[in-house]
Protein backbone atom coordinates (compact mmCIF):
# COMPACT_ATOMS: atom_id res chain seq x y z
CA UNK A 1 91.21 133.35 44.65
CA UNK A 2 93.84 133.42 47.57
CA UNK A 3 90.81 134.89 49.83
CA UNK A 4 89.07 131.68 49.79
CA UNK A 5 91.41 129.23 50.68
CA UNK A 6 92.21 130.88 53.41
CA UNK A 7 89.01 131.41 54.94
CA UNK A 8 88.48 127.64 54.62
CA UNK A 9 91.87 126.65 56.39
CA UNK A 10 90.60 129.26 59.08
CA UNK A 11 88.11 127.51 59.79
CA UNK A 12 89.51 123.96 59.93
CA UNK A 13 92.19 124.82 62.06
CA UNK A 14 89.42 126.75 64.58
CA UNK A 15 87.67 123.31 64.28
CA UNK A 16 90.64 121.11 64.77
CA UNK A 17 91.50 123.63 68.03
CA UNK A 18 88.05 123.22 69.62
CA UNK A 19 88.04 119.54 69.41
CA UNK A 20 91.79 119.53 70.71
CA UNK A 21 90.24 121.83 73.51
CA UNK A 22 87.48 119.37 74.07
CA UNK A 23 89.27 116.35 74.46
CA UNK A 24 92.37 118.54 76.33
CA UNK A 25 89.46 119.30 79.13
CA UNK A 26 87.90 115.75 79.19
CA UNK A 27 91.43 114.57 80.52
CA UNK A 28 91.18 117.07 82.24
CA UNK A 29 87.70 116.65 84.24
CA UNK A 30 88.93 112.97 84.29
CA UNK A 31 92.35 113.36 86.26
CA UNK A 32 90.06 115.78 88.89
CA UNK A 33 87.95 113.14 89.29
CA UNK A 34 90.21 110.37 90.31
CA UNK A 35 91.78 113.09 92.67
CA UNK A 36 88.70 113.93 94.04
CA UNK A 37 87.68 110.54 94.58
CA UNK A 38 90.95 109.80 96.30
CA UNK A 39 90.56 112.91 98.83
CA UNK A 40 87.15 112.05 99.56
CA UNK A 41 87.65 108.28 99.72
CA UNK A 42 91.08 108.09 101.10
CA UNK A 43 90.17 106.89 104.70
CA UNK A 44 87.28 104.55 104.04
CA UNK A 45 87.75 102.98 100.83
CA UNK A 46 90.13 99.85 101.01
CA UNK A 47 93.58 100.09 100.15
CA UNK A 48 93.31 99.04 96.64
CA UNK A 49 90.51 100.98 95.33
CA UNK A 50 92.46 103.85 96.38
CA UNK A 51 95.77 102.61 94.61
CA UNK A 52 93.95 102.34 91.32
CA UNK A 53 92.30 105.49 91.74
CA UNK A 54 96.03 106.74 91.63
CA UNK A 55 96.83 104.65 88.70
CA UNK A 56 94.42 106.44 86.82
CA UNK A 57 95.18 109.79 87.23
CA UNK A 58 98.82 109.09 87.03
CA UNK A 59 98.11 107.91 83.37
CA UNK A 60 96.26 111.50 82.75
CA UNK A 61 99.18 113.38 84.06
CA UNK A 62 102.19 114.85 83.03
CA UNK A 63 105.75 113.71 84.42
CA UNK A 64 106.40 116.01 87.37
CA UNK A 65 102.82 115.53 88.68
CA UNK A 66 102.77 111.64 88.15
CA UNK A 67 105.93 111.94 90.66
CA UNK A 68 103.95 113.76 92.83
CA UNK A 69 101.11 111.15 92.73
CA UNK A 70 103.48 108.54 93.27
CA UNK A 71 104.95 110.18 96.40
CA UNK A 72 101.53 110.74 97.60
CA UNK A 73 100.36 106.77 97.14
CA UNK A 74 103.50 105.45 98.72
CA UNK A 75 103.13 107.73 101.78
CA UNK A 76 99.40 106.66 102.10
CA UNK A 77 100.92 103.01 101.94
CA UNK A 78 103.57 103.63 104.51
CA UNK A 79 100.85 104.97 106.80
CA UNK A 80 98.66 101.64 106.18
CA UNK A 81 101.50 99.62 107.01
CA UNK A 82 102.21 98.31 103.12
CA UNK A 83 106.28 97.98 102.85
CA UNK A 84 106.76 96.19 99.71
CA UNK A 85 104.34 98.19 97.76
CA UNK A 86 105.41 101.94 99.18
CA UNK A 87 108.75 101.08 98.61
CA UNK A 88 108.45 100.26 94.85
CA UNK A 89 106.66 103.66 94.33
CA UNK A 90 109.52 105.17 96.18
CA UNK A 91 111.80 103.53 93.59
CA UNK A 92 109.86 104.37 90.93
CA UNK A 93 109.39 108.12 91.75
CA UNK A 94 113.43 108.48 92.19
CA UNK A 95 113.64 106.92 88.62
CA UNK A 96 111.47 109.18 87.27
CA UNK A 97 112.76 112.35 89.13
CA UNK A 98 116.33 111.52 87.77
CA UNK A 99 115.55 110.28 84.73
CA UNK A 100 114.05 114.13 84.46
CA UNK A 101 116.53 115.53 86.32
CA UNK A 102 113.62 117.00 89.05
CA UNK A 103 116.80 117.33 91.10
CA UNK A 104 114.20 119.68 93.91
CA UNK A 105 111.78 116.72 93.63
CA UNK A 106 114.66 114.21 94.45
CA UNK A 107 115.81 115.97 97.35
CA UNK A 108 111.98 115.62 98.64
CA UNK A 109 112.15 111.47 97.60
CA UNK A 110 114.87 111.12 99.96
CA UNK A 111 112.99 112.32 102.87
CA UNK A 112 110.13 110.16 101.72
CA UNK A 113 112.51 106.99 102.16
CA UNK A 114 113.63 108.49 105.73
CA UNK A 115 109.72 108.69 106.45
CA UNK A 116 109.47 105.09 104.93
CA UNK A 117 112.14 103.68 106.79
CA UNK A 118 111.44 105.72 110.10
CA UNK A 119 107.71 104.33 110.42
CA UNK A 120 109.39 100.72 110.33
CA UNK A 121 111.63 101.62 112.83
CA UNK A 122 114.75 101.45 110.63
CA UNK A 123 116.18 104.59 112.08
CA UNK A 124 119.50 104.51 110.87
CA UNK A 125 118.50 103.87 106.87
CA UNK A 126 115.83 107.02 108.15
CA UNK A 127 118.74 108.95 109.36
CA UNK A 128 120.86 108.41 106.28
CA UNK A 129 118.22 109.17 103.55
CA UNK A 130 117.67 112.45 105.65
CA UNK A 131 121.58 113.33 104.74
CA UNK A 132 121.12 112.49 101.32
CA UNK A 133 118.02 114.86 101.10
CA UNK A 134 120.27 117.58 102.81
CA UNK A 135 123.79 116.98 100.48
CA UNK A 136 121.75 117.40 97.51
CA UNK A 137 119.42 120.54 98.90
CA UNK A 138 122.88 122.15 99.70
CA UNK A 139 123.63 121.72 96.03
CA UNK A 140 120.62 122.81 94.37
CA UNK A 141 120.69 126.50 92.55
CA UNK A 142 118.12 128.96 92.50
CA UNK A 143 117.12 128.08 89.21
CA UNK A 144 115.91 124.74 90.37
CA UNK A 145 114.32 125.24 92.93
CA UNK A 146 112.25 128.51 91.12
CA UNK A 147 111.55 125.97 88.60
CA UNK A 148 110.17 123.57 91.12
CA UNK A 149 107.87 126.26 92.83
CA UNK A 150 106.64 127.12 89.31
CA UNK A 151 105.56 123.72 88.89
CA UNK A 152 104.06 123.02 92.27
CA UNK A 153 100.88 123.45 94.37
CA UNK A 154 103.46 124.89 97.32
CA UNK A 155 106.85 126.84 97.08
CA UNK A 156 109.42 126.89 99.34
CA UNK A 157 113.17 128.25 99.46
CA UNK A 158 116.34 126.94 99.70
CA UNK A 159 116.39 127.66 103.91
CA UNK A 160 113.51 126.79 104.26
CA UNK A 161 113.81 122.94 102.80
CA UNK A 162 117.22 122.91 104.98
CA UNK A 163 115.23 124.47 108.23
CA UNK A 164 112.73 121.11 107.51
CA UNK A 165 115.07 118.79 107.03
CA UNK A 166 117.66 119.78 110.08
CA UNK A 167 114.65 119.09 112.36
CA UNK A 168 113.55 115.67 111.30
CA UNK A 169 117.20 114.92 111.79
CA UNK A 170 117.00 115.78 114.95
CA UNK A 171 113.61 114.29 115.57
CA UNK A 172 115.56 110.89 114.53
CA UNK A 173 119.01 111.64 116.55
CA UNK A 174 116.35 112.15 119.61
CA UNK A 175 114.17 108.57 118.90
CA UNK A 176 118.07 106.79 118.65
CA UNK A 177 118.42 108.73 122.02
CA UNK A 178 121.43 110.63 120.49
CA UNK A 179 120.95 113.54 122.33
CA UNK A 180 124.35 115.38 120.86
CA UNK A 181 123.40 115.37 117.68
CA UNK A 182 119.90 116.03 118.28
CA UNK A 183 121.37 118.92 119.88
CA UNK A 184 123.44 119.71 117.18
CA UNK A 185 120.70 119.57 114.45
CA UNK A 186 117.87 121.39 116.17
CA UNK A 187 120.85 124.51 116.86
CA UNK A 188 121.12 124.19 113.33
CA UNK A 189 117.71 124.46 112.63
CA UNK A 190 117.12 127.26 115.07
CA UNK A 191 119.86 129.66 112.84
CA UNK A 192 117.88 128.75 109.62
CA UNK A 193 114.54 129.63 111.44
CA UNK A 194 115.93 132.69 112.52
CA UNK A 195 117.87 133.41 109.00
CA UNK A 196 113.95 132.89 107.31
CA UNK A 197 112.70 134.83 110.32
CA UNK A 198 110.13 132.36 111.29
CA UNK A 199 108.92 132.85 114.65
CA UNK A 200 107.01 129.78 115.10
CA UNK A 201 109.93 127.76 114.11
CA UNK A 202 112.18 129.68 116.39
CA UNK A 203 110.31 129.25 119.49
CA UNK A 204 109.41 125.78 118.85
CA UNK A 205 113.24 124.92 117.63
CA UNK A 206 113.94 126.76 121.38
CA UNK A 207 111.44 124.85 123.55
CA UNK A 208 112.81 121.28 121.95
CA UNK A 209 116.29 122.58 123.15
CA UNK A 210 114.99 123.09 126.14
CA UNK A 211 112.90 119.63 126.07
CA UNK A 212 115.53 117.68 125.02
CA UNK A 213 117.26 118.79 128.37
CA UNK A 214 114.84 117.16 130.35
CA UNK A 215 115.00 114.14 128.23
CA UNK A 216 118.96 114.09 128.96
CA UNK A 217 117.57 114.27 132.50
CA UNK A 218 119.56 117.56 132.33
CA UNK A 219 117.37 119.30 134.40
CA UNK A 220 119.12 122.27 135.66
CA UNK A 221 119.76 123.37 132.12
CA UNK A 222 116.07 122.44 131.32
CA UNK A 223 114.46 124.82 134.07
CA UNK A 224 117.07 127.55 133.08
CA UNK A 225 115.79 127.66 129.13
CA UNK A 226 112.81 127.36 130.07
CA UNK A 227 112.74 130.81 132.80
CA UNK A 228 114.82 132.19 130.17
CA UNK A 229 112.14 131.49 127.46
CA UNK A 230 109.31 132.93 130.28
CA UNK A 231 111.83 136.25 130.82
CA UNK A 232 111.90 137.05 127.02
CA UNK A 233 107.79 137.65 127.68
CA UNK A 234 107.19 136.26 124.17
CA UNK A 235 104.82 133.31 124.88
CA UNK A 236 101.63 133.50 124.90
CA UNK A 237 99.81 131.96 128.08
CA UNK A 238 99.23 128.83 126.83
CA UNK A 239 103.01 128.59 125.72
CA UNK A 240 104.01 130.03 129.39
CA UNK A 241 101.95 127.32 131.12
CA UNK A 242 103.55 124.86 129.14
CA UNK A 243 106.84 126.51 130.08
CA UNK A 244 105.58 126.36 133.54
CA UNK A 245 104.81 122.53 133.06
CA UNK A 246 108.08 121.66 131.86
CA UNK A 247 109.59 123.67 134.53
CA UNK A 248 107.36 121.48 137.72
CA UNK A 249 108.28 118.59 135.78
CA UNK A 250 111.80 118.71 136.02
CA UNK A 251 111.55 120.17 139.92
CA UNK A 252 109.44 116.78 140.42
CA UNK A 253 112.06 115.17 138.85
CA UNK A 254 114.58 116.78 141.10
CA UNK A 255 112.72 116.16 144.05
CA UNK A 256 112.31 119.71 144.64
CA UNK A 257 109.00 119.73 145.80
CA UNK A 258 108.32 122.91 146.57
CA UNK A 259 109.54 124.55 143.86
CA UNK A 260 107.33 121.97 141.61
CA UNK A 261 104.29 123.02 143.93
CA UNK A 262 104.93 126.83 143.13
CA UNK A 263 105.32 126.37 138.92
CA UNK A 264 102.26 124.20 138.28
CA UNK A 265 100.21 126.71 140.87
CA UNK A 266 101.58 129.33 138.17
CA UNK A 267 100.48 127.00 134.97
CA UNK A 268 97.43 126.05 136.32
CA UNK A 269 96.67 129.80 137.24
CA UNK A 270 97.14 130.58 133.47
CA UNK A 271 95.12 127.58 132.17
CA UNK A 272 92.39 128.87 134.22
CA UNK A 273 92.66 132.07 132.91
CA UNK A 274 92.42 130.70 129.32
CA UNK A 275 89.49 128.18 130.50
CA UNK A 276 91.80 124.94 129.32
CA UNK A 277 90.01 122.38 130.76
CA UNK A 278 92.72 119.96 129.12
CA UNK A 279 95.42 121.44 130.20
CA UNK A 280 94.48 122.02 133.52
CA UNK A 281 93.67 117.65 133.84
CA UNK A 282 97.27 117.11 132.83
CA UNK A 283 98.31 120.00 135.46
CA UNK A 284 96.31 118.73 138.06
CA UNK A 285 97.72 115.13 137.42
CA UNK A 286 101.01 116.00 138.15
CA UNK A 287 100.36 117.94 141.35
CA UNK A 288 98.60 114.93 142.43
CA UNK A 289 101.77 113.40 141.73
CA UNK A 290 103.64 116.00 143.49
CA UNK A 291 101.63 115.24 146.83
CA UNK A 292 101.96 111.82 146.12
CA UNK A 293 105.66 112.50 146.49
CA UNK A 294 105.09 114.04 149.97
CA UNK A 295 103.49 111.68 151.19
CA UNK A 296 99.79 113.72 151.69
CA UNK A 297 97.51 110.80 149.99
CA UNK A 298 94.39 112.66 150.90
CA UNK A 299 95.47 115.86 148.75
CA UNK A 300 96.61 113.84 146.24
CA UNK A 301 93.25 112.19 146.35
CA UNK A 302 91.13 114.85 146.45
CA UNK A 303 92.89 116.59 143.58
CA UNK A 304 92.38 113.57 141.41
CA UNK A 305 88.44 113.54 142.15
CA UNK A 306 88.29 116.77 141.63
CA UNK A 307 89.10 116.40 137.79
CA UNK A 308 87.40 112.79 137.52
CA UNK A 309 84.29 114.05 135.82
CA UNK A 310 85.67 116.41 133.58
CA UNK A 311 88.02 113.70 132.35
CA UNK A 312 85.08 111.27 131.58
CA UNK A 313 83.18 113.99 130.30
CA UNK A 314 86.06 114.68 127.67
CA UNK A 315 86.15 111.11 126.83
CA UNK A 316 89.53 110.58 126.54
CA UNK A 317 90.04 107.48 127.55
CA UNK A 318 93.81 106.75 127.81
CA UNK A 319 94.21 109.52 130.60
CA UNK A 320 90.83 108.19 132.03
CA UNK A 321 92.64 104.89 132.31
CA UNK A 322 95.55 106.86 133.94
CA UNK A 323 93.76 108.69 136.71
CA UNK A 324 91.75 105.22 137.88
CA UNK A 325 95.26 104.10 137.88
CA UNK A 326 96.50 106.66 140.08
CA UNK A 327 93.53 106.67 142.28
CA UNK A 328 93.77 102.86 142.84
CA UNK A 329 97.39 103.51 144.17
CA UNK A 330 96.39 106.51 146.28
CA UNK A 331 93.63 104.79 147.84
CA UNK A 332 96.20 101.99 148.30
CA UNK A 333 99.01 104.32 149.94
CA UNK A 334 95.82 105.00 152.24
CA UNK A 335 95.66 101.85 153.13
CA UNK A 336 92.17 101.64 151.59
CA UNK A 337 92.28 98.26 149.73
CA UNK A 338 88.71 97.79 148.66
CA UNK A 339 88.78 101.11 146.95
CA UNK A 340 91.95 100.37 145.29
CA UNK A 341 90.80 97.68 143.89
CA UNK A 342 87.34 98.89 142.75
CA UNK A 343 89.47 101.61 141.01
CA UNK A 344 91.90 98.75 139.47
CA UNK A 345 88.61 97.34 138.41
CA UNK A 346 87.29 100.35 136.67
CA UNK A 347 90.74 100.63 134.93
CA UNK A 348 90.69 96.76 133.63
CA UNK A 349 87.34 97.45 132.64
CA UNK A 350 88.30 100.80 130.45
CA UNK A 351 91.25 99.19 129.14
CA UNK A 352 88.73 95.84 128.03
CA UNK A 353 86.27 98.38 126.22
CA UNK A 354 89.12 100.31 124.61
CA UNK A 355 90.09 96.83 123.37
CA UNK A 356 86.21 96.29 122.01
CA UNK A 357 86.52 99.33 120.60
CA UNK A 358 89.17 98.73 118.37
CA UNK A 359 87.47 95.46 117.23
CA UNK A 360 83.84 97.66 116.83
CA UNK A 361 86.20 99.71 114.36
CA UNK A 362 87.56 96.71 112.36
CA UNK A 363 84.28 95.66 112.07
CA UNK A 364 83.24 98.78 110.75
CA UNK A 365 86.13 99.10 108.37
CA UNK A 366 84.22 95.55 107.01
CA UNK A 367 81.03 97.29 106.87
CA UNK A 368 82.52 100.67 104.81
CA UNK A 369 84.46 98.39 102.54
CA UNK A 370 80.82 96.58 101.50
CA UNK A 371 79.36 100.01 101.10
CA UNK A 372 82.06 100.65 98.66
CA UNK A 373 81.67 97.80 96.85
CA UNK A 374 77.98 98.86 96.29
CA UNK A 375 79.08 102.35 95.89
CA UNK A 376 81.34 101.49 93.01
CA UNK A 377 78.47 100.10 91.05
CA UNK A 378 76.85 103.38 91.10
CA UNK A 379 80.25 104.65 89.65
CA UNK A 380 80.75 102.10 87.11
CA UNK A 381 78.07 103.61 84.63
CA UNK A 382 79.75 107.36 85.07
CA UNK A 383 83.13 106.13 84.84
CA UNK A 384 81.63 104.32 81.52
CA UNK A 385 80.48 108.04 80.28
CA UNK A 386 83.40 109.39 81.01
CA UNK A 387 84.86 106.32 78.69
CA UNK A 388 82.59 106.82 76.00
CA UNK A 389 83.22 110.62 76.40
CA UNK A 390 86.62 110.72 75.52
CA UNK A 391 86.51 107.59 73.15
CA UNK A 392 83.71 109.77 71.20
CA UNK A 393 85.42 112.81 71.34
CA UNK A 394 88.92 111.10 69.83
CA UNK A 395 86.43 109.39 66.68
CA UNK A 396 84.92 112.75 65.94
CA UNK A 397 88.21 114.18 65.55
CA UNK A 398 90.15 111.85 63.69
CA UNK A 399 86.51 112.42 60.87
CA UNK A 400 87.08 115.81 61.07
CA UNK A 401 90.57 115.71 60.22
CA UNK A 402 89.79 113.68 57.26
CA UNK A 403 86.99 115.27 56.45
CA UNK A 404 89.56 118.51 56.69
CA UNK A 405 91.98 116.57 54.64
CA UNK A 406 89.97 115.71 52.00
CA UNK A 407 88.24 119.11 51.38
CA UNK A 408 91.98 120.58 51.22
CA UNK A 409 92.87 118.17 48.58
CA UNK A 410 88.81 118.78 46.44
CA UNK A 411 90.14 122.68 46.43
CA UNK A 412 93.82 122.32 45.59
CA UNK A 413 92.24 120.28 42.61
CA UNK A 414 89.49 122.71 42.08
CA UNK A 415 92.21 125.44 42.13
CA UNK A 416 94.59 123.87 40.05
CA UNK A 417 91.80 123.10 37.62
CA UNK A 418 90.51 126.88 37.42
CA UNK A 419 93.61 127.73 36.65
CA UNK A 420 94.13 125.73 34.11
CA UNK A 421 91.14 126.47 32.36
CA UNK A 422 92.06 130.26 32.02
CA UNK A 423 95.50 129.42 30.93
CA UNK A 424 93.50 128.01 27.93
CA UNK A 425 90.93 130.70 27.37
CA UNK A 426 93.64 133.01 27.30
CA UNK A 427 95.49 131.01 24.35
CA UNK A 428 92.60 131.02 22.53
CA UNK A 429 92.06 134.57 22.88
CA UNK A 430 95.89 135.65 21.78
CA UNK A 431 95.36 132.98 18.70
CA UNK A 432 92.15 135.09 17.64
CA UNK A 433 94.09 138.25 17.56
CA UNK A 434 96.18 136.64 15.63
CA UNK A 435 94.07 135.51 12.95
CA UNK A 436 92.34 139.19 13.14
CA UNK A 437 95.49 140.82 12.33
CA UNK A 438 96.18 138.35 9.56
CA UNK A 439 92.62 138.87 8.14
CA UNK A 440 93.01 142.51 8.37
CA UNK A 441 96.65 143.02 6.56
CA UNK A 442 95.12 140.59 4.10
CA UNK A 443 92.18 142.80 3.40
CA UNK A 444 94.92 146.01 3.81
CA UNK A 445 97.44 144.70 0.91
CA UNK A 446 94.38 143.70 -1.06
CA UNK A 447 93.54 146.91 -1.10
CA UNK A 448 96.50 148.78 -1.83
CA UNK A 449 96.98 146.06 -4.67
CA UNK A 450 93.46 147.47 -5.99
CA UNK A 451 94.55 150.92 -5.47
CA UNK A 452 97.93 150.46 -7.53
CA UNK A 453 96.31 148.48 -10.17
CA UNK A 454 93.23 151.40 -10.26
CA UNK A 455 96.30 154.09 -9.66
CA UNK A 456 98.22 152.77 -13.21
CA UNK A 457 101.59 153.86 -11.36
CA UNK A 458 103.77 155.30 -14.11
CA UNK A 459 106.94 152.92 -13.04
CA UNK A 460 106.98 149.10 -12.66
CA UNK A 461 110.10 149.59 -10.84
CA UNK A 462 108.26 152.23 -8.20
CA UNK A 463 105.20 149.51 -7.96
CA UNK A 464 107.53 146.49 -7.29
CA UNK A 465 109.75 148.77 -4.49
CA UNK A 466 106.41 149.64 -2.99
CA UNK A 467 105.22 145.93 -3.01
CA UNK A 468 108.55 144.51 -1.56
CA UNK A 469 108.42 147.37 1.65
CA UNK A 470 104.55 146.15 2.40
CA UNK A 471 105.36 142.75 2.13
CA UNK A 472 108.36 143.20 4.89
CA UNK A 473 107.03 145.09 7.14
CA UNK A 474 103.88 142.71 7.16
CA UNK A 475 106.37 140.02 7.79
CA UNK A 476 108.25 142.01 10.65
CA UNK A 477 104.60 142.49 12.15
CA UNK A 478 103.78 138.83 11.95
CA UNK A 479 106.69 138.00 13.65
CA UNK A 480 105.97 140.67 16.17
CA UNK A 481 102.73 139.09 16.78
CA UNK A 482 104.46 135.44 17.52
CA UNK A 483 106.84 136.67 19.56
CA UNK A 484 104.13 138.13 21.36
CA UNK A 485 102.48 135.01 21.50
CA UNK A 486 105.41 133.42 23.01
CA UNK A 487 105.73 135.75 25.39
CA UNK A 488 101.84 134.82 26.48
CA UNK A 489 102.42 131.50 26.76
CA UNK A 490 105.52 132.14 28.87
CA UNK A 491 103.38 134.42 30.74
CA UNK A 492 100.72 131.87 31.20
CA UNK A 493 103.30 129.17 33.40
CA UNK A 494 102.75 130.11 37.34
CA UNK A 495 104.94 133.13 38.09
CA UNK A 496 107.84 133.17 40.85
CA UNK A 497 105.38 135.88 42.31
CA UNK A 498 102.44 133.07 42.52
CA UNK A 499 104.74 130.79 43.46
CA UNK A 500 105.89 132.65 46.26
CA UNK A 501 101.92 133.60 46.97
CA UNK A 502 101.27 130.12 47.35
CA UNK A 503 104.56 129.05 49.67
CA UNK A 504 103.13 131.84 51.57
CA UNK A 505 99.75 130.72 51.99
CA UNK A 506 100.93 126.80 52.78
CA UNK A 507 103.48 128.40 55.25
CA UNK A 508 100.96 130.15 56.85
CA UNK A 509 98.65 127.13 57.01
CA UNK A 510 101.75 124.97 58.86
CA UNK A 511 101.92 127.78 60.98
CA UNK A 512 99.04 127.72 62.31
CA UNK A 513 98.69 124.18 62.57
CA UNK A 514 102.03 124.51 64.59
CA UNK A 515 99.65 126.88 66.93
CA UNK A 516 97.16 124.40 67.12
CA UNK A 517 99.78 121.66 67.97
CA UNK A 518 101.21 123.75 70.45
CA UNK A 519 97.86 124.11 72.17
CA UNK A 520 96.92 120.39 72.08
CA UNK A 521 100.40 120.19 74.93
CA UNK A 522 99.17 122.71 77.24
CA UNK A 523 97.36 120.58 80.29
CA UNK A 524 96.96 122.10 83.44
CA UNK A 525 96.97 119.40 87.71
CA UNK A 526 97.30 119.12 92.16
CA UNK A 527 96.30 118.99 95.90
CA UNK A 528 96.80 116.59 100.30
CA UNK A 529 98.78 114.10 102.55
CA UNK A 530 98.37 113.85 105.98
CA UNK A 531 101.45 115.96 106.96
CA UNK A 532 100.73 117.97 104.16
CA UNK A 533 97.12 118.74 105.41
CA UNK A 534 97.77 119.24 108.93
CA UNK A 535 100.07 121.98 108.35
CA UNK A 536 98.15 123.93 105.73
CA UNK A 537 95.80 124.37 108.62
CA UNK A 538 97.72 124.40 111.67
CA UNK A 539 101.45 125.57 110.25
CA UNK A 540 102.90 126.21 113.99
CA UNK A 541 103.25 122.18 114.55
CA UNK A 542 106.72 121.02 115.04
CA UNK A 543 107.96 118.06 113.61
CA UNK A 544 108.14 116.08 116.63
CA UNK A 545 104.44 116.96 116.81
CA UNK A 546 103.51 115.59 113.33
CA UNK A 547 105.54 112.92 114.17
CA UNK A 548 103.31 111.92 117.69
CA UNK A 549 99.99 112.72 115.52
CA UNK A 550 100.97 110.06 112.87
CA UNK A 551 101.41 107.59 115.94
CA UNK A 552 97.82 108.56 117.51
CA UNK A 553 96.23 107.81 113.94
CA UNK A 554 97.54 104.72 113.89
CA UNK A 555 96.19 103.83 116.81
CA UNK A 556 99.00 104.00 119.31
CA UNK A 557 98.41 104.74 123.23
CA UNK A 558 100.18 107.32 125.59
CA UNK A 559 102.28 104.97 126.77
CA UNK A 560 102.55 102.80 123.32
CA UNK A 561 104.34 105.97 121.52
CA UNK A 562 106.69 106.65 124.79
CA UNK A 563 107.96 103.20 124.63
CA UNK A 564 108.72 103.43 120.65
CA UNK A 565 110.46 106.94 121.08
CA UNK A 566 111.97 105.82 124.32
CA UNK A 567 110.53 108.77 126.24
CA UNK A 568 108.74 108.87 129.24
CA UNK A 569 105.06 108.96 129.60
CA UNK A 570 105.28 112.41 130.64
CA UNK A 571 106.94 113.88 128.07
CA UNK A 572 104.52 112.36 125.92
CA UNK A 573 101.51 113.97 127.74
CA UNK A 574 103.20 117.03 127.91
CA UNK A 575 103.06 116.86 123.68
CA UNK A 576 99.97 116.11 124.31
CA UNK A 577 98.98 119.09 126.12
CA UNK A 578 100.64 121.13 123.41
CA UNK A 579 99.57 119.80 120.31
CA UNK A 580 95.59 120.03 121.34
CA UNK A 581 96.33 123.84 122.20
CA UNK A 582 97.63 123.98 119.15
CA UNK A 583 94.65 122.53 117.57
CA UNK A 584 92.18 124.52 119.15
CA UNK A 585 90.68 121.00 120.59
CA UNK A 586 88.27 122.15 123.36
CA UNK A 587 88.07 119.81 126.40
CA UNK A 588 85.20 117.52 124.71
CA UNK A 589 86.91 116.71 121.72
CA UNK A 590 88.40 113.50 121.13
CA UNK A 591 92.38 114.17 119.86
CA UNK A 592 92.65 110.86 118.25
CA UNK A 593 89.08 111.65 116.38
CA UNK A 594 90.13 114.97 115.28
CA UNK A 595 93.31 113.57 113.10
CA UNK A 596 90.93 110.88 111.54
CA UNK A 597 89.91 113.61 109.36
CA UNK A 598 93.13 114.44 107.92
CA UNK A 599 93.63 110.90 106.51
């Protein structure tokens, strides 16, 4: 009797579990669908459409993943210049992180605030938020960081978090021309890089400190630091070329033109050895400037003209503009005013074409938006299918639950009806047995009386005693029978053991249902914003270089970036030189076009 209900309950639970898995998988597929749209379309779709995908993805996500998606969308809006909207999302993310006690995430959100204020030139607020992040990271326990790493798609240690935030604080200080603070934080970052055994971080920190000396116009210190790096022989050919390039810049600013020439020649030799055409262009430009300072305009013109073809083939329009300007000034210094006018005209035409290209890109964005509207219509049917599948799955689940409840109810009614039926059968059997015993006793009494009469007992007194004894025994037997009936009646009630079995049965069902409910709460989510994707492919990029890439990605020129960062154009060109090498770009590759794929 107990095997059948267990099997039925087990089958129902399996069905419930399957439906729950179907619902969970449907939600997971929907989440992955929206995330894939975000990753695939974030550079070509309108911001409102991408934000709509973010909202749909968050509706299907757990709290931790929701906060991560809020941070991602906020960064996208910051990069697009949506100030109010991005700040609202950061505020939401911070409120949810505090509500769920995700202190590690809270520290990262403060860094998101710092990025937000930095992009809108509020460097003081950016600096304050980085300090908040630093203070919170220092308070984090190992358990909190381990918990974050288990939930996140990427992981890091407390020291690695501090190393990153210290680099960012140093960058902000450098942007504000607070050189002492910048030096302090870069040195602290260097200490953590050494502690984390981050060789690239150590190298970047030391290069930043050396470059900082150049920015502070402490050219002797810059030369000393770069020479120390060279003497340690830890730099590859590219970095050695970069070091000689910086030393040459410092000597050039010190007007030590002979030493500047020696070092730039060493850098050129290394760049020729590794066949780095881009570096050769920058180095040749620097050497031409040195020759121009000497008054050797013929040599300057020769150097500039020799690399003009390479610059044109590279399609680096900003550098090309600078070369045209340098050629014009060189011709002007030589007294060739017509040729100077020609190069100034070429420079103006190229600048106009760059502006025209910007407008063409704007029109292209309009075309992309129209294409998106068409694609949106195509995707509408697919979205409706997903929505209908979810609705049907939920409806099927509800129907199965109701049917299951109905089946269990009918089964219990049938079960207790059968038990009651068997109870009545047992009572009737006992009654028949009693009736048979009474009939048998009656027959025995009649037979005994007949025998007593036939035997003609001699003593009536003896006859009377025998009769009384027999009657007494009969009554005792009848009493025993009734007592047995009462016992049988008592046993017909559900026994303690039966109750325990039913209780165990119900408990088993309850436990299995609990297990089925647990399955509903197990959802797996995910993974990239601009910096994260760049760092994933090129982890050797420094924070300063990432910042420059961010400026380039929104269309700022080298001069504009130098103005924004309050540094020299040579410093930005030097950074571009280093970045192109780290990104493994060939001479024909455009840096601006390359980084667009990471948006």
